[in-house]
Amino acid sequence: MHSEVVASRSADPRDSRESRNGSPQLDAVSLAIIEQLQQDGRRPYAAIGKAVGLSEAAVRQRVQKLLDQGVMQIVAVTDPLTVGFRRQAMVGINVEGDLDPVADALTAMPEVEYVVMTAGSFDLLVEVVCEDDDHLLDVINKRIRALPGVRSTESFVYLKLKKQTYMWGTR
Protein backbone atom coordinates (compact mmCIF):
# COMPACT_ATOMS: atom_id res chain seq x y z
CA MET A 1 0.00 0.00 0.00
CA HIS A 2 1.31 3.48 -0.81
CA SER A 3 1.91 5.74 2.18
CA GLU A 4 0.10 8.70 0.60
CA VAL A 5 -3.05 6.61 0.21
CA VAL A 6 -2.90 5.30 3.76
CA ALA A 7 -2.02 8.68 5.27
CA SER A 8 -5.24 10.17 3.96
CA ARG A 9 -7.30 7.60 5.84
CA SER A 10 -8.57 8.20 9.33
CA ALA A 11 -5.94 7.88 12.06
CA ASP A 12 -8.45 8.02 14.91
CA PRO A 13 -7.95 4.94 17.16
CA ARG A 14 -11.69 4.89 17.79
CA ASP A 15 -12.07 3.67 14.20
CA SER A 16 -11.13 0.17 15.38
CA ARG A 17 -14.41 -0.75 17.05
CA GLU A 18 -16.18 -4.05 17.56
CA SER A 19 -18.61 -5.17 14.88
CA ARG A 20 -22.07 -6.48 15.65
CA ASN A 21 -20.80 -10.06 15.93
CA GLY A 22 -18.24 -9.07 18.58
CA SER A 23 -15.15 -9.29 16.40
CA PRO A 24 -13.01 -6.18 16.03
CA GLN A 25 -13.90 -3.96 13.09
CA LEU A 26 -10.63 -2.66 11.68
CA ASP A 27 -10.15 0.68 9.98
CA ALA A 28 -7.85 1.23 7.00
CA VAL A 29 -4.91 2.32 9.16
CA SER A 30 -5.03 -0.80 11.34
CA LEU A 31 -5.21 -2.94 8.20
CA ALA A 32 -2.20 -1.11 6.77
CA ILE A 33 -0.25 -1.69 10.00
CA ILE A 34 -1.05 -5.41 9.81
CA GLU A 35 0.14 -5.51 6.19
CA GLN A 36 3.40 -3.81 7.18
CA LEU A 37 4.00 -6.36 9.93
CA GLN A 38 3.16 -9.28 7.65
CA GLN A 39 5.90 -8.11 5.30
CA ASP A 40 8.37 -7.89 8.19
CA GLY A 41 7.34 -8.66 11.78
CA ARG A 42 10.45 -6.84 13.04
CA ARG A 43 9.77 -3.61 11.14
CA PRO A 44 10.32 -0.65 13.49
CA TYR A 45 7.24 1.25 14.62
CA ALA A 46 8.78 4.49 13.31
CA ALA A 47 9.03 2.98 9.79
CA ILE A 48 5.46 1.68 10.01
CA GLY A 49 4.30 5.09 11.21
CA LYS A 50 5.93 6.77 8.23
CA ALA A 51 4.25 4.33 5.83
CA VAL A 52 0.77 4.72 7.35
CA GLY A 53 0.86 8.36 8.43
CA LEU A 54 0.98 7.93 12.22
CA SER A 55 3.51 8.67 14.93
CA GLU A 56 5.65 5.87 16.35
CA ALA A 57 3.69 6.08 19.62
CA ALA A 58 0.35 5.80 17.82
CA VAL A 59 1.56 2.73 15.90
CA ARG A 60 2.81 1.15 19.15
CA GLN A 61 -0.63 1.75 20.71
CA ARG A 62 -2.45 0.33 17.68
CA VAL A 63 -0.23 -2.77 17.56
CA GLN A 64 -0.76 -3.43 21.26
CA LYS A 65 -4.53 -3.11 20.82
CA LEU A 66 -4.47 -5.53 17.87
CA LEU A 67 -2.46 -8.01 19.96
CA ASP A 68 -4.76 -7.59 22.99
CA GLN A 69 -7.86 -8.13 20.81
CA GLY A 70 -6.40 -11.33 19.37
CA VAL A 71 -6.54 -9.89 15.85
CA MET A 72 -2.91 -10.83 15.24
CA GLN A 73 0.18 -12.42 16.75
CA ILE A 74 3.79 -11.58 16.08
CA VAL A 75 5.76 -14.84 16.05
CA ALA A 76 8.81 -16.47 14.51
CA VAL A 77 7.76 -19.06 11.93
CA THR A 78 10.19 -21.93 11.48
CA ASP A 79 10.66 -24.65 8.91
CA PRO A 80 9.87 -27.77 10.96
CA LEU A 81 12.52 -29.82 9.14
CA THR A 82 15.31 -27.47 10.18
CA VAL A 83 14.40 -27.69 13.88
CA GLY A 84 14.16 -31.48 14.14
CA PHE A 85 10.58 -32.31 13.13
CA ARG A 86 10.77 -34.75 10.23
CA ARG A 87 7.08 -35.61 9.82
CA GLN A 88 4.06 -33.42 9.21
CA ALA A 89 0.56 -34.59 8.41
CA MET A 90 -2.94 -33.31 7.98
CA VAL A 91 -5.43 -35.53 9.77
CA GLY A 92 -9.12 -35.54 8.87
CA ILE A 93 -11.29 -36.62 11.79
CA ASN A 94 -14.94 -37.68 11.93
CA VAL A 95 -16.64 -37.28 15.27
CA GLU A 96 -19.81 -38.69 16.82
CA GLY A 97 -21.74 -36.08 18.76
CA ASP A 98 -20.45 -32.71 19.90
CA LEU A 99 -17.27 -31.51 18.16
CA ASP A 100 -16.19 -29.10 20.90
CA PRO A 101 -14.81 -31.62 23.44
CA VAL A 102 -12.78 -33.37 20.75
CA ALA A 103 -11.54 -30.06 19.31
CA ASP A 104 -10.58 -28.88 22.80
CA ALA A 105 -8.65 -32.10 23.52
CA LEU A 106 -6.81 -31.81 20.19
CA THR A 107 -5.98 -28.18 20.88
CA ALA A 108 -4.25 -29.23 24.11
CA MET A 109 -1.87 -31.63 22.28
CA PRO A 110 1.55 -30.02 21.70
CA GLU A 111 2.01 -31.79 18.35
CA VAL A 112 -1.20 -30.30 16.96
CA GLU A 113 -0.50 -26.99 15.21
CA TYR A 114 -4.05 -26.05 14.34
CA VAL A 115 -7.56 -27.39 14.59
CA VAL A 116 -10.29 -26.46 12.12
CA MET A 117 -13.98 -27.39 12.33
CA THR A 118 -15.15 -28.04 8.78
CA ALA A 119 -18.17 -28.79 6.65
CA GLY A 120 -17.63 -31.63 4.21
CA SER A 121 -15.99 -35.03 4.39
CA PHE A 122 -14.44 -34.43 7.81
CA ASP A 123 -15.71 -32.78 10.95
CA LEU A 124 -12.24 -31.62 11.98
CA LEU A 125 -8.94 -31.09 10.22
CA VAL A 126 -5.78 -30.92 12.28
CA GLU A 127 -2.17 -30.38 11.31
CA VAL A 128 0.30 -32.48 13.27
CA VAL A 129 4.07 -31.88 13.46
CA CYS A 130 6.12 -34.81 14.79
CA GLU A 131 9.74 -35.85 15.17
CA ASP A 132 9.41 -38.96 12.99
CA ASP A 133 7.01 -41.66 11.76
CA ASP A 134 6.95 -43.48 15.12
CA HIS A 135 5.98 -40.26 16.87
CA LEU A 136 3.24 -39.60 14.28
CA LEU A 137 1.90 -43.14 14.69
CA ASP A 138 1.78 -42.68 18.46
CA VAL A 139 -0.07 -39.36 18.19
CA ILE A 140 -2.66 -40.68 15.74
CA ASN A 141 -3.14 -44.21 17.05
CA LYS A 142 -2.82 -43.79 20.81
CA ARG A 143 -3.92 -40.24 21.38
CA ILE A 144 -6.20 -38.92 18.62
CA ARG A 145 -8.08 -42.16 17.93
CA ALA A 146 -8.37 -42.78 21.68
CA LEU A 147 -10.35 -39.57 22.26
CA PRO A 148 -14.00 -40.15 23.19
CA GLY A 149 -16.19 -39.29 20.21
CA VAL A 150 -13.58 -39.87 17.51
CA ARG A 151 -15.19 -42.19 14.97
CA SER A 152 -12.49 -42.28 12.28
CA THR A 153 -9.35 -40.58 11.03
CA GLU A 154 -7.66 -40.24 7.67
CA SER A 155 -4.05 -39.11 7.53
CA PHE A 156 -2.37 -37.15 4.76
CA VAL A 157 1.38 -37.32 5.33
CA TYR A 158 3.33 -34.41 3.85
CA LEU A 159 5.98 -35.57 1.37
CA LYS A 160 7.25 -32.10 0.57
CA LEU A 161 6.19 -28.64 1.63
CA LYS A 162 6.12 -26.41 -1.45
CA LYS A 163 4.60 -23.28 0.04
CA GLN A 164 3.91 -22.05 3.54
CA THR A 165 3.10 -18.40 3.92
CA TYR A 166 1.17 -16.14 6.20
CA MET A 167 1.11 -13.23 3.77
CA TRP A 168 -2.55 -13.29 2.76
CA GLY A 169 -2.79 -9.66 3.79
CA THR A 170 -5.94 -7.98 4.92
CA ARG A 171 -8.05 -8.16 1.75
C-alpha atoms as a PDB file:
ATOM      1  CA  MET A   1       0.000   0.000   0.000  1.00  0.00           C
ATOM      2  CA  HIS A   2       1.311   3.483  -0.806  1.00  0.00           C
ATOM      3  CA  SER A   3       1.913   5.741   2.177  1.00  0.00           C
ATOM      4  CA  GLU A   4       0.105   8.696   0.604  1.00  0.00           C
ATOM      5  CA  VAL A   5      -3.049   6.613   0.206  1.00  0.00           C
ATOM      6  CA  VAL A   6      -2.900   5.297   3.758  1.00  0.00           C
ATOM      7  CA  ALA A   7      -2.020   8.685   5.275  1.00  0.00           C
ATOM      8  CA  SER A   8      -5.244  10.166   3.959  1.00  0.00           C
ATOM      9  CA  ARG A   9      -7.296   7.599   5.841  1.00  0.00           C
ATOM     10  CA  SER A  10      -8.565   8.201   9.331  1.00  0.00           C
ATOM     11  CA  ALA A  11      -5.940   7.876  12.059  1.00  0.00           C
ATOM     12  CA  ASP A  12      -8.445   8.018  14.913  1.00  0.00           C
ATOM     13  CA  PRO A  13      -7.949   4.937  17.160  1.00  0.00           C
ATOM     14  CA  ARG A  14     -11.688   4.886  17.787  1.00  0.00           C
ATOM     15  CA  ASP A  15     -12.074   3.674  14.204  1.00  0.00           C
ATOM     16  CA  SER A  16     -11.128   0.168  15.383  1.00  0.00           C
ATOM     17  CA  ARG A  17     -14.413  -0.749  17.048  1.00  0.00           C
ATOM     18  CA  GLU A  18     -16.180  -4.045  17.556  1.00  0.00           C
ATOM     19  CA  SER A  19     -18.613  -5.174  14.882  1.00  0.00           C
ATOM     20  CA  ARG A  20     -22.072  -6.477  15.652  1.00  0.00           C
ATOM     21  CA  ASN A  21     -20.803 -10.061  15.926  1.00  0.00           C
ATOM     22  CA  GLY A  22     -18.244  -9.069  18.579  1.00  0.00           C
ATOM     23  CA  SER A  23     -15.148  -9.287  16.402  1.00  0.00           C
ATOM     24  CA  PRO A  24     -13.006  -6.182  16.032  1.00  0.00           C
ATOM     25  CA  GLN A  25     -13.895  -3.960  13.087  1.00  0.00           C
ATOM     26  CA  LEU A  26     -10.632  -2.657  11.685  1.00  0.00           C
ATOM     27  CA  ASP A  27     -10.151   0.677   9.979  1.00  0.00           C
ATOM     28  CA  ALA A  28      -7.847   1.226   7.003  1.00  0.00           C
ATOM     29  CA  VAL A  29      -4.908   2.325   9.157  1.00  0.00           C
ATOM     30  CA  SER A  30      -5.029  -0.804  11.341  1.00  0.00           C
ATOM     31  CA  LEU A  31      -5.214  -2.941   8.204  1.00  0.00           C
ATOM     32  CA  ALA A  32      -2.195  -1.112   6.769  1.00  0.00           C
ATOM     33  CA  ILE A  33      -0.252  -1.687  10.003  1.00  0.00           C
ATOM     34  CA  ILE A  34      -1.051  -5.409   9.808  1.00  0.00           C
ATOM     35  CA  GLU A  35       0.138  -5.507   6.194  1.00  0.00           C
ATOM     36  CA  GLN A  36       3.398  -3.806   7.181  1.00  0.00           C
ATOM     37  CA  LEU A  37       4.003  -6.363   9.934  1.00  0.00           C
ATOM     38  CA  GLN A  38       3.157  -9.276   7.648  1.00  0.00           C
ATOM     39  CA  GLN A  39       5.896  -8.109   5.296  1.00  0.00           C
ATOM     40  CA  ASP A  40       8.373  -7.889   8.194  1.00  0.00           C
ATOM     41  CA  GLY A  41       7.344  -8.663  11.776  1.00  0.00           C
ATOM     42  CA  ARG A  42      10.451  -6.842  13.041  1.00  0.00           C
ATOM     43  CA  ARG A  43       9.770  -3.611  11.144  1.00  0.00           C
ATOM     44  CA  PRO A  44      10.319  -0.653  13.488  1.00  0.00           C
ATOM     45  CA  TYR A  45       7.237   1.249  14.625  1.00  0.00           C
ATOM     46  CA  ALA A  46       8.779   4.486  13.310  1.00  0.00           C
ATOM     47  CA  ALA A  47       9.026   2.979   9.790  1.00  0.00           C
ATOM     48  CA  ILE A  48       5.458   1.679  10.010  1.00  0.00           C
ATOM     49  CA  GLY A  49       4.296   5.092  11.206  1.00  0.00           C
ATOM     50  CA  LYS A  50       5.934   6.765   8.228  1.00  0.00           C
ATOM     51  CA  ALA A  51       4.247   4.329   5.831  1.00  0.00           C
ATOM     52  CA  VAL A  52       0.769   4.716   7.354  1.00  0.00           C
ATOM     53  CA  GLY A  53       0.859   8.355   8.428  1.00  0.00           C
ATOM     54  CA  LEU A  54       0.983   7.933  12.216  1.00  0.00           C
ATOM     55  CA  SER A  55       3.510   8.670  14.930  1.00  0.00           C
ATOM     56  CA  GLU A  56       5.650   5.872  16.346  1.00  0.00           C
ATOM     57  CA  ALA A  57       3.691   6.077  19.622  1.00  0.00           C
ATOM     58  CA  ALA A  58       0.350   5.803  17.818  1.00  0.00           C
ATOM     59  CA  VAL A  59       1.559   2.734  15.904  1.00  0.00           C
ATOM     60  CA  ARG A  60       2.808   1.151  19.149  1.00  0.00           C
ATOM     61  CA  GLN A  61      -0.634   1.751  20.713  1.00  0.00           C
ATOM     62  CA  ARG A  62      -2.450   0.330  17.676  1.00  0.00           C
ATOM     63  CA  VAL A  63      -0.233  -2.769  17.557  1.00  0.00           C
ATOM     64  CA  GLN A  64      -0.759  -3.427  21.260  1.00  0.00           C
ATOM     65  CA  LYS A  65      -4.534  -3.107  20.821  1.00  0.00           C
ATOM     66  CA  LEU A  66      -4.472  -5.533  17.869  1.00  0.00           C
ATOM     67  CA  LEU A  67      -2.461  -8.005  19.957  1.00  0.00           C
ATOM     68  CA  ASP A  68      -4.760  -7.590  22.986  1.00  0.00           C
ATOM     69  CA  GLN A  69      -7.860  -8.127  20.813  1.00  0.00           C
ATOM     70  CA  GLY A  70      -6.399 -11.325  19.371  1.00  0.00           C
ATOM     71  CA  VAL A  71      -6.537  -9.893  15.849  1.00  0.00           C
ATOM     72  CA  MET A  72      -2.907 -10.834  15.245  1.00  0.00           C
ATOM     73  CA  GLN A  73       0.185 -12.415  16.746  1.00  0.00           C
ATOM     74  CA  ILE A  74       3.787 -11.583  16.081  1.00  0.00           C
ATOM     75  CA  VAL A  75       5.760 -14.836  16.049  1.00  0.00           C
ATOM     76  CA  ALA A  76       8.813 -16.475  14.505  1.00  0.00           C
ATOM     77  CA  VAL A  77       7.760 -19.061  11.925  1.00  0.00           C
ATOM     78  CA  THR A  78      10.194 -21.935  11.477  1.00  0.00           C
ATOM     79  CA  ASP A  79      10.664 -24.647   8.905  1.00  0.00           C
ATOM     80  CA  PRO A  80       9.869 -27.769  10.963  1.00  0.00           C
ATOM     81  CA  LEU A  81      12.520 -29.818   9.136  1.00  0.00           C
ATOM     82  CA  THR A  82      15.308 -27.470  10.184  1.00  0.00           C
ATOM     83  CA  VAL A  83      14.397 -27.691  13.880  1.00  0.00           C
ATOM     84  CA  GLY A  84      14.156 -31.484  14.139  1.00  0.00           C
ATOM     85  CA  PHE A  85      10.579 -32.308  13.129  1.00  0.00           C
ATOM     86  CA  ARG A  86      10.765 -34.754  10.227  1.00  0.00           C
ATOM     87  CA  ARG A  87       7.081 -35.614   9.820  1.00  0.00           C
ATOM     88  CA  GLN A  88       4.062 -33.421   9.211  1.00  0.00           C
ATOM     89  CA  ALA A  89       0.558 -34.587   8.415  1.00  0.00           C
ATOM     90  CA  MET A  90      -2.940 -33.308   7.976  1.00  0.00           C
ATOM     91  CA  VAL A  91      -5.432 -35.529   9.774  1.00  0.00           C
ATOM     92  CA  GLY A  92      -9.116 -35.544   8.867  1.00  0.00           C
ATOM     93  CA  ILE A  93     -11.290 -36.620  11.789  1.00  0.00           C
ATOM     94  CA  ASN A  94     -14.937 -37.679  11.934  1.00  0.00           C
ATOM     95  CA  VAL A  95     -16.645 -37.285  15.274  1.00  0.00           C
ATOM     96  CA  GLU A  96     -19.806 -38.689  16.820  1.00  0.00           C
ATOM     97  CA  GLY A  97     -21.737 -36.079  18.758  1.00  0.00           C
ATOM     98  CA  ASP A  98     -20.453 -32.708  19.897  1.00  0.00           C
ATOM     99  CA  LEU A  99     -17.272 -31.509  18.163  1.00  0.00           C
ATOM    100  CA  ASP A 100     -16.185 -29.103  20.902  1.00  0.00           C
ATOM    101  CA  PRO A 101     -14.811 -31.619  23.441  1.00  0.00           C
ATOM    102  CA  VAL A 102     -12.776 -33.365  20.750  1.00  0.00           C
ATOM    103  CA  ALA A 103     -11.540 -30.065  19.308  1.00  0.00           C
ATOM    104  CA  ASP A 104     -10.584 -28.884  22.804  1.00  0.00           C
ATOM    105  CA  ALA A 105      -8.646 -32.098  23.516  1.00  0.00           C
ATOM    106  CA  LEU A 106      -6.808 -31.813  20.187  1.00  0.00           C
ATOM    107  CA  THR A 107      -5.984 -28.177  20.881  1.00  0.00           C
ATOM    108  CA  ALA A 108      -4.250 -29.233  24.107  1.00  0.00           C
ATOM    109  CA  MET A 109      -1.872 -31.628  22.281  1.00  0.00           C
ATOM    110  CA  PRO A 110       1.547 -30.021  21.702  1.00  0.00           C
ATOM    111  CA  GLU A 111       2.009 -31.788  18.350  1.00  0.00           C
ATOM    112  CA  VAL A 112      -1.204 -30.299  16.957  1.00  0.00           C
ATOM    113  CA  GLU A 113      -0.504 -26.994  15.213  1.00  0.00           C
ATOM    114  CA  TYR A 114      -4.048 -26.052  14.342  1.00  0.00           C
ATOM    115  CA  VAL A 115      -7.557 -27.385  14.595  1.00  0.00           C
ATOM    116  CA  VAL A 116     -10.288 -26.463  12.123  1.00  0.00           C
ATOM    117  CA  MET A 117     -13.978 -27.394  12.328  1.00  0.00           C
ATOM    118  CA  THR A 118     -15.151 -28.044   8.778  1.00  0.00           C
ATOM    119  CA  ALA A 119     -18.169 -28.795   6.653  1.00  0.00           C
ATOM    120  CA  GLY A 120     -17.632 -31.626   4.213  1.00  0.00           C
ATOM    121  CA  SER A 121     -15.993 -35.034   4.387  1.00  0.00           C
ATOM    122  CA  PHE A 122     -14.437 -34.428   7.806  1.00  0.00           C
ATOM    123  CA  ASP A 123     -15.710 -32.782  10.952  1.00  0.00           C
ATOM    124  CA  LEU A 124     -12.240 -31.617  11.980  1.00  0.00           C
ATOM    125  CA  LEU A 125      -8.941 -31.091  10.224  1.00  0.00           C
ATOM    126  CA  VAL A 126      -5.775 -30.924  12.281  1.00  0.00           C
ATOM    127  CA  GLU A 127      -2.172 -30.379  11.310  1.00  0.00           C
ATOM    128  CA  VAL A 128       0.298 -32.484  13.270  1.00  0.00           C
ATOM    129  CA  VAL A 129       4.068 -31.884  13.464  1.00  0.00           C
ATOM    130  CA  CYS A 130       6.122 -34.812  14.794  1.00  0.00           C
ATOM    131  CA  GLU A 131       9.744 -35.854  15.173  1.00  0.00           C
ATOM    132  CA  ASP A 132       9.408 -38.964  12.988  1.00  0.00           C
ATOM    133  CA  ASP A 133       7.011 -41.658  11.763  1.00  0.00           C
ATOM    134  CA  ASP A 134       6.948 -43.482  15.121  1.00  0.00           C
ATOM    135  CA  HIS A 135       5.977 -40.260  16.874  1.00  0.00           C
ATOM    136  CA  LEU A 136       3.242 -39.598  14.281  1.00  0.00           C
ATOM    137  CA  LEU A 137       1.900 -43.137  14.691  1.00  0.00           C
ATOM    138  CA  ASP A 138       1.779 -42.682  18.456  1.00  0.00           C
ATOM    139  CA  VAL A 139      -0.069 -39.359  18.193  1.00  0.00           C
ATOM    140  CA  ILE A 140      -2.661 -40.678  15.742  1.00  0.00           C
ATOM    141  CA  ASN A 141      -3.139 -44.207  17.050  1.00  0.00           C
ATOM    142  CA  LYS A 142      -2.819 -43.791  20.812  1.00  0.00           C
ATOM    143  CA  ARG A 143      -3.921 -40.235  21.381  1.00  0.00           C
ATOM    144  CA  ILE A 144      -6.203 -38.923  18.623  1.00  0.00           C
ATOM    145  CA  ARG A 145      -8.082 -42.163  17.928  1.00  0.00           C
ATOM    146  CA  ALA A 146      -8.373 -42.778  21.682  1.00  0.00           C
ATOM    147  CA  LEU A 147     -10.346 -39.574  22.258  1.00  0.00           C
ATOM    148  CA  PRO A 148     -14.004 -40.150  23.191  1.00  0.00           C
ATOM    149  CA  GLY A 149     -16.195 -39.292  20.207  1.00  0.00           C
ATOM    150  CA  VAL A 150     -13.576 -39.873  17.509  1.00  0.00           C
ATOM    151  CA  ARG A 151     -15.190 -42.193  14.971  1.00  0.00           C
ATOM    152  CA  SER A 152     -12.489 -42.282  12.281  1.00  0.00           C
ATOM    153  CA  THR A 153      -9.353 -40.585  11.032  1.00  0.00           C
ATOM    154  CA  GLU A 154      -7.663 -40.238   7.667  1.00  0.00           C
ATOM    155  CA  SER A 155      -4.050 -39.110   7.529  1.00  0.00           C
ATOM    156  CA  PHE A 156      -2.374 -37.148   4.761  1.00  0.00           C
ATOM    157  CA  VAL A 157       1.383 -37.323   5.327  1.00  0.00           C
ATOM    158  CA  TYR A 158       3.327 -34.413   3.853  1.00  0.00           C
ATOM    159  CA  LEU A 159       5.976 -35.570   1.370  1.00  0.00           C
ATOM    160  CA  LYS A 160       7.254 -32.096   0.566  1.00  0.00           C
ATOM    161  CA  LEU A 161       6.193 -28.642   1.635  1.00  0.00           C
ATOM    162  CA  LYS A 162       6.123 -26.414  -1.446  1.00  0.00           C
ATOM    163  CA  LYS A 163       4.604 -23.284   0.044  1.00  0.00           C
ATOM    164  CA  GLN A 164       3.911 -22.050   3.537  1.00  0.00           C
ATOM    165  CA  THR A 165       3.104 -18.400   3.922  1.00  0.00           C
ATOM    166  CA  TYR A 166       1.171 -16.141   6.203  1.00  0.00           C
ATOM    167  CA  MET A 167       1.113 -13.232   3.767  1.00  0.00           C
ATOM    168  CA  TRP A 168      -2.549 -13.290   2.763  1.00  0.00           C
ATOM    169  CA  GLY A 169      -2.795  -9.656   3.789  1.00  0.00           C
ATOM    170  CA  THR A 170      -5.944  -7.977   4.917  1.00  0.00           C
ATOM    171  CA  ARG A 171      -8.054  -8.157   1.755  1.00  0.00           C
END
